[in-house]
N, C-alpha and C. Protein backbone atom coordinates (compact mmCIF):
# COMPACT_ATOMS: atom_id res chain seq x y z
N MET A 1 -121.84 -4.57 -35.24
CA MET A 1 -120.90 -4.49 -34.15
C MET A 1 -119.46 -4.64 -34.70
N LYS A 2 -118.59 -3.85 -34.26
CA LYS A 2 -117.18 -3.99 -34.59
C LYS A 2 -116.48 -4.70 -33.49
N THR A 3 -115.48 -5.46 -33.87
CA THR A 3 -114.71 -6.22 -32.91
C THR A 3 -113.23 -6.18 -33.18
N ARG A 4 -112.45 -6.21 -32.12
CA ARG A 4 -111.01 -6.21 -32.21
C ARG A 4 -110.45 -7.47 -31.57
N VAL A 5 -111.29 -8.54 -31.48
CA VAL A 5 -110.87 -9.79 -30.83
C VAL A 5 -109.62 -10.33 -31.48
N ARG A 6 -109.60 -10.41 -32.82
CA ARG A 6 -108.44 -10.97 -33.54
C ARG A 6 -107.20 -10.22 -33.22
N GLU A 7 -107.28 -8.89 -33.24
CA GLU A 7 -106.11 -8.10 -32.95
C GLU A 7 -105.52 -8.36 -31.59
N TYR A 8 -106.41 -8.36 -30.55
CA TYR A 8 -105.93 -8.55 -29.22
C TYR A 8 -105.48 -10.01 -28.98
N ARG A 9 -106.19 -10.96 -29.62
CA ARG A 9 -105.81 -12.37 -29.42
C ARG A 9 -104.43 -12.60 -30.03
N ALA A 10 -104.22 -12.08 -31.22
CA ALA A 10 -102.92 -12.27 -31.89
C ALA A 10 -101.81 -11.56 -31.07
N GLY A 11 -102.12 -10.38 -30.54
CA GLY A 11 -101.15 -9.66 -29.72
C GLY A 11 -100.76 -10.46 -28.46
N CYS A 12 -101.66 -11.25 -27.96
CA CYS A 12 -101.38 -12.07 -26.79
C CYS A 12 -100.73 -13.44 -27.14
N GLY A 13 -100.66 -13.67 -28.45
CA GLY A 13 -100.13 -14.99 -28.91
C GLY A 13 -101.01 -16.19 -28.55
N ILE A 14 -102.32 -15.95 -28.54
CA ILE A 14 -103.28 -17.02 -28.19
C ILE A 14 -103.98 -17.47 -29.50
N THR A 15 -104.08 -18.79 -29.67
CA THR A 15 -104.78 -19.33 -30.82
C THR A 15 -106.29 -19.21 -30.60
N GLN A 16 -107.01 -19.28 -31.72
CA GLN A 16 -108.50 -19.34 -31.60
C GLN A 16 -108.93 -20.48 -30.76
N GLU A 17 -108.31 -21.61 -30.96
CA GLU A 17 -108.64 -22.85 -30.19
C GLU A 17 -108.46 -22.61 -28.69
N LYS A 18 -107.34 -22.02 -28.31
CA LYS A 18 -107.01 -21.78 -26.89
C LYS A 18 -108.03 -20.79 -26.31
N LEU A 19 -108.32 -19.68 -27.01
CA LEU A 19 -109.30 -18.69 -26.53
C LEU A 19 -110.66 -19.35 -26.34
N ALA A 20 -111.06 -20.16 -27.32
CA ALA A 20 -112.33 -20.84 -27.26
C ALA A 20 -112.42 -21.73 -26.00
N GLU A 21 -111.35 -22.51 -25.79
CA GLU A 21 -111.27 -23.38 -24.65
C GLU A 21 -111.36 -22.58 -23.35
N THR A 22 -110.63 -21.50 -23.28
CA THR A 22 -110.57 -20.63 -22.11
C THR A 22 -111.95 -20.07 -21.74
N VAL A 23 -112.71 -19.66 -22.79
CA VAL A 23 -113.99 -18.97 -22.47
C VAL A 23 -115.20 -19.95 -22.58
N GLY A 24 -114.90 -21.21 -22.94
CA GLY A 24 -115.95 -22.26 -22.89
C GLY A 24 -116.88 -22.26 -24.12
N VAL A 25 -116.35 -21.96 -25.28
CA VAL A 25 -117.17 -22.00 -26.51
C VAL A 25 -116.38 -22.80 -27.56
N ARG A 26 -117.02 -22.99 -28.69
CA ARG A 26 -116.34 -23.69 -29.81
C ARG A 26 -115.47 -22.74 -30.58
N ARG A 27 -114.49 -23.23 -31.24
CA ARG A 27 -113.62 -22.40 -32.09
C ARG A 27 -114.41 -21.63 -33.12
N GLU A 28 -115.45 -22.16 -33.65
CA GLU A 28 -116.25 -21.51 -34.65
C GLU A 28 -116.88 -20.23 -34.12
N THR A 29 -117.20 -20.27 -32.84
CA THR A 29 -117.75 -19.04 -32.21
C THR A 29 -116.77 -17.93 -32.19
N ILE A 30 -115.48 -18.23 -31.95
CA ILE A 30 -114.38 -17.26 -31.97
C ILE A 30 -114.20 -16.73 -33.34
N ILE A 31 -114.24 -17.61 -34.32
CA ILE A 31 -114.13 -17.21 -35.74
C ILE A 31 -115.25 -16.18 -36.10
N PHE A 32 -116.47 -16.51 -35.74
CA PHE A 32 -117.61 -15.62 -36.04
C PHE A 32 -117.48 -14.27 -35.25
N LEU A 33 -116.97 -14.33 -34.01
CA LEU A 33 -116.76 -13.12 -33.27
C LEU A 33 -115.75 -12.23 -33.94
N GLU A 34 -114.66 -12.84 -34.42
CA GLU A 34 -113.62 -12.07 -35.04
C GLU A 34 -114.05 -11.45 -36.39
N LYS A 35 -114.97 -12.08 -37.03
CA LYS A 35 -115.48 -11.55 -38.27
C LYS A 35 -116.65 -10.56 -38.06
N GLY A 36 -117.08 -10.39 -36.81
CA GLY A 36 -118.21 -9.49 -36.54
C GLY A 36 -119.55 -10.09 -36.97
N LYS A 37 -119.61 -11.38 -37.12
CA LYS A 37 -120.84 -12.07 -37.54
C LYS A 37 -121.63 -12.65 -36.40
N TYR A 38 -121.17 -12.43 -35.24
CA TYR A 38 -121.85 -12.97 -34.03
C TYR A 38 -121.82 -11.95 -32.90
N ASN A 39 -122.97 -11.59 -32.43
CA ASN A 39 -123.07 -10.70 -31.27
C ASN A 39 -123.06 -11.47 -30.01
N PRO A 40 -122.03 -11.38 -29.23
CA PRO A 40 -121.90 -12.20 -28.01
C PRO A 40 -122.86 -11.71 -26.87
N SER A 41 -123.18 -12.61 -26.02
CA SER A 41 -123.91 -12.19 -24.80
C SER A 41 -122.97 -11.38 -24.00
N LEU A 42 -123.47 -10.60 -23.03
CA LEU A 42 -122.65 -9.83 -22.17
C LEU A 42 -121.71 -10.72 -21.40
N ARG A 43 -122.17 -11.87 -20.97
CA ARG A 43 -121.28 -12.83 -20.26
C ARG A 43 -120.12 -13.30 -21.10
N LEU A 44 -120.38 -13.66 -22.37
CA LEU A 44 -119.32 -14.09 -23.23
C LEU A 44 -118.35 -12.97 -23.54
N ALA A 45 -118.89 -11.77 -23.78
CA ALA A 45 -118.02 -10.61 -24.03
C ALA A 45 -117.11 -10.38 -22.82
N HIS A 46 -117.63 -10.51 -21.68
CA HIS A 46 -116.87 -10.31 -20.45
C HIS A 46 -115.78 -11.36 -20.33
N HIS A 47 -116.08 -12.61 -20.61
CA HIS A 47 -115.13 -13.71 -20.54
C HIS A 47 -114.00 -13.52 -21.56
N VAL A 48 -114.38 -13.14 -22.77
CA VAL A 48 -113.34 -12.90 -23.85
C VAL A 48 -112.43 -11.76 -23.40
N ALA A 49 -113.02 -10.66 -22.99
CA ALA A 49 -112.16 -9.49 -22.60
C ALA A 49 -111.28 -9.89 -21.43
N ARG A 50 -111.81 -10.60 -20.47
CA ARG A 50 -111.00 -11.01 -19.27
C ARG A 50 -109.82 -11.95 -19.73
N ALA A 51 -110.19 -12.85 -20.64
CA ALA A 51 -109.12 -13.79 -21.11
C ALA A 51 -107.95 -13.04 -21.86
N LEU A 52 -108.38 -11.92 -22.51
CA LEU A 52 -107.34 -11.16 -23.23
C LEU A 52 -106.76 -10.04 -22.38
N GLY A 53 -107.24 -9.84 -21.18
CA GLY A 53 -106.67 -8.90 -20.27
C GLY A 53 -107.02 -7.45 -20.56
N VAL A 54 -108.18 -7.22 -21.16
CA VAL A 54 -108.61 -5.87 -21.47
C VAL A 54 -110.09 -5.67 -21.09
N GLY A 55 -110.58 -4.44 -21.21
CA GLY A 55 -112.02 -4.20 -20.93
C GLY A 55 -112.85 -4.53 -22.14
N ILE A 56 -114.09 -4.79 -21.89
CA ILE A 56 -115.03 -5.08 -23.00
C ILE A 56 -115.07 -3.97 -24.05
N GLU A 57 -115.06 -2.75 -23.56
CA GLU A 57 -115.19 -1.59 -24.49
C GLU A 57 -113.96 -1.49 -25.36
N GLU A 58 -112.84 -2.09 -25.02
CA GLU A 58 -111.65 -2.04 -25.89
C GLU A 58 -111.73 -3.03 -27.07
N ILE A 59 -112.56 -4.10 -26.84
CA ILE A 59 -112.65 -5.14 -27.86
C ILE A 59 -113.91 -5.01 -28.74
N PHE A 60 -115.00 -4.65 -28.12
CA PHE A 60 -116.29 -4.57 -28.81
C PHE A 60 -116.78 -3.15 -28.87
N SER A 61 -117.26 -2.76 -30.07
CA SER A 61 -117.82 -1.48 -30.27
C SER A 61 -119.28 -1.66 -30.70
N PHE A 62 -120.19 -1.20 -29.88
CA PHE A 62 -121.60 -1.40 -30.12
C PHE A 62 -122.22 -0.21 -30.83
N ASP A 63 -121.42 0.76 -31.25
CA ASP A 63 -121.91 1.89 -31.94
C ASP A 63 -122.41 1.56 -33.35
N ASP A 64 -123.41 2.20 -33.80
CA ASP A 64 -123.93 2.05 -35.16
C ASP A 64 -123.18 3.06 -36.04
N GLU A 65 -122.13 2.53 -36.71
CA GLU A 65 -121.37 3.49 -37.54
C GLU A 65 -121.53 3.11 -39.01
């Protein structure tokens, strides 16, 4: 899975800690999401996208490329 969480988070000026707090996970989860080493649940993907003000499909790519 490809992710653009870091790009959108940085663009919004939000720290990993603040994003984690906002979506109710640990900072380590955000780190793993940004590195593409963690596949989020649909609920978490929705919360992250909403916190960053974009759609899920703009942040996460589920294509096998």
